[in-house]
Amino acid sequence: VKSKLLKVLRQMDDDGDEQISKTEFVSMLEHVDACSALQEVGVDPVGLVDFADFIFEDEVDGDSDKQLTFPDFIELVMQFRGTNTATVRDIVDL
């Protein structure tokens, strides 16, 4: 599934820098293969759209120009699986 998602990420990577921007992320979620790959790992693509601002917000200055490397992006997306349980650290981070 990760390879399927990587393939879609590479297709959506407009600038070829192997990083995903918020614009590329939104574009990826309009791609049928990307949505099915996300659903296969238990991530709701529709719900993920709601977190786009949060995912791509730069923690230092609050800008939304943050980009993620493909491995970092996949790791982050896997945290949005519906089967994940909340930990004490998750609650503290809120």
Protein backbone atom coordinates (compact mmCIF):
# COMPACT_ATOMS: atom_id res chain seq x y z
CA VAL A 1 0.00 0.00 0.00
CA LYS A 2 2.86 2.39 0.80
CA SER A 3 4.33 1.77 -2.65
CA LYS A 4 0.96 2.57 -4.23
CA LEU A 5 0.79 5.79 -2.26
CA LEU A 6 4.39 6.65 -3.15
CA LYS A 7 3.59 6.13 -6.83
CA VAL A 8 0.68 8.57 -6.60
CA LEU A 9 2.81 11.05 -4.63
CA ARG A 10 5.45 10.99 -7.33
CA GLN A 11 2.81 11.61 -10.01
CA MET A 12 1.42 14.55 -8.03
CA ASP A 13 4.86 16.01 -7.26
CA ASP A 14 4.59 19.06 -9.53
CA ASP A 15 8.10 20.35 -8.86
CA GLY A 16 9.88 16.97 -8.61
CA ASP A 17 11.47 17.72 -5.24
CA GLU A 18 10.24 14.50 -3.54
CA GLN A 19 8.35 16.62 -1.02
CA ILE A 20 4.66 17.24 -0.72
CA SER A 21 3.18 20.68 -0.29
CA LYS A 22 -0.34 21.52 0.81
CA THR A 23 -1.33 22.20 -2.81
CA GLU A 24 0.05 18.83 -3.94
CA PHE A 25 -1.68 17.16 -0.97
CA VAL A 26 -5.08 18.56 -1.92
CA SER A 27 -4.47 17.55 -5.54
CA MET A 28 -3.49 14.03 -4.41
CA LEU A 29 -6.76 13.62 -2.49
CA GLU A 30 -8.65 14.22 -5.74
CA HIS A 31 -6.86 11.20 -7.24
CA VAL A 32 -8.89 7.96 -7.07
CA ASP A 33 -5.84 5.71 -6.59
CA ALA A 34 -4.59 7.82 -3.69
CA CYS A 35 -7.96 7.73 -1.95
CA SER A 36 -8.25 3.97 -2.36
CA ALA A 37 -4.69 3.47 -1.05
CA LEU A 38 -5.53 5.58 2.00
CA GLN A 39 -8.73 3.64 2.60
CA GLU A 40 -6.81 0.35 2.37
CA VAL A 41 -4.67 1.38 5.35
CA GLY A 42 -7.69 2.64 7.32
CA VAL A 43 -7.34 6.38 6.70
CA ASP A 44 -10.45 8.35 5.78
CA PRO A 45 -9.47 10.64 2.87
CA VAL A 46 -12.44 12.94 3.46
CA GLY A 47 -11.51 13.37 7.12
CA LEU A 48 -7.88 13.92 6.15
CA VAL A 49 -8.84 17.01 4.12
CA ASP A 50 -10.01 18.64 7.35
CA PHE A 51 -6.50 18.30 8.79
CA ALA A 52 -4.64 19.82 5.81
CA ASP A 53 -4.09 23.15 7.56
CA PHE A 54 -2.84 21.38 10.68
CA ILE A 55 -0.52 19.02 8.77
CA PHE A 56 1.13 21.78 6.74
CA GLU A 57 1.31 24.51 9.38
CA ASP A 58 4.87 25.52 10.13
CA GLU A 59 5.36 25.20 13.89
CA VAL A 60 7.91 28.01 13.99
CA ASP A 61 6.13 30.91 12.30
CA GLY A 62 2.61 29.60 11.69
CA ASP A 63 2.87 29.79 7.90
CA SER A 64 1.16 27.12 5.83
CA ASP A 65 4.10 26.76 3.41
CA LYS A 66 5.53 23.70 5.14
CA GLN A 67 6.53 20.76 2.95
CA LEU A 68 7.02 17.17 4.03
CA THR A 69 9.31 14.53 2.58
CA PHE A 70 7.43 11.52 1.24
CA PRO A 71 8.54 9.20 4.12
CA ASP A 72 7.57 11.83 6.72
CA PHE A 73 4.24 12.37 5.01
CA ILE A 74 3.42 8.66 4.92
CA GLU A 75 4.40 8.28 8.58
CA LEU A 76 2.18 11.21 9.51
CA VAL A 77 -0.76 9.94 7.47
CA MET A 78 -0.51 6.53 9.14
CA GLN A 79 -1.15 8.28 12.45
CA PHE A 80 -4.61 9.20 11.14
CA ARG A 81 -5.74 5.59 10.83
CA GLY A 82 -9.08 4.93 12.48
CA THR A 83 -7.68 1.88 14.26
CA ASN A 84 -5.11 3.91 16.21
CA THR A 85 -5.86 4.43 19.89
CA ALA A 86 -5.12 7.63 21.74
CA THR A 87 -2.16 7.58 24.12
CA VAL A 88 -1.48 9.73 27.15
CA ARG A 89 1.09 11.63 25.06
CA ASP A 90 -1.58 12.39 22.43
CA ILE A 91 -3.81 13.90 25.10
CA VAL A 92 -0.95 15.91 26.62
CA ASP A 93 0.00 17.23 23.15
CA LEU A 94 -3.51 18.64 22.75
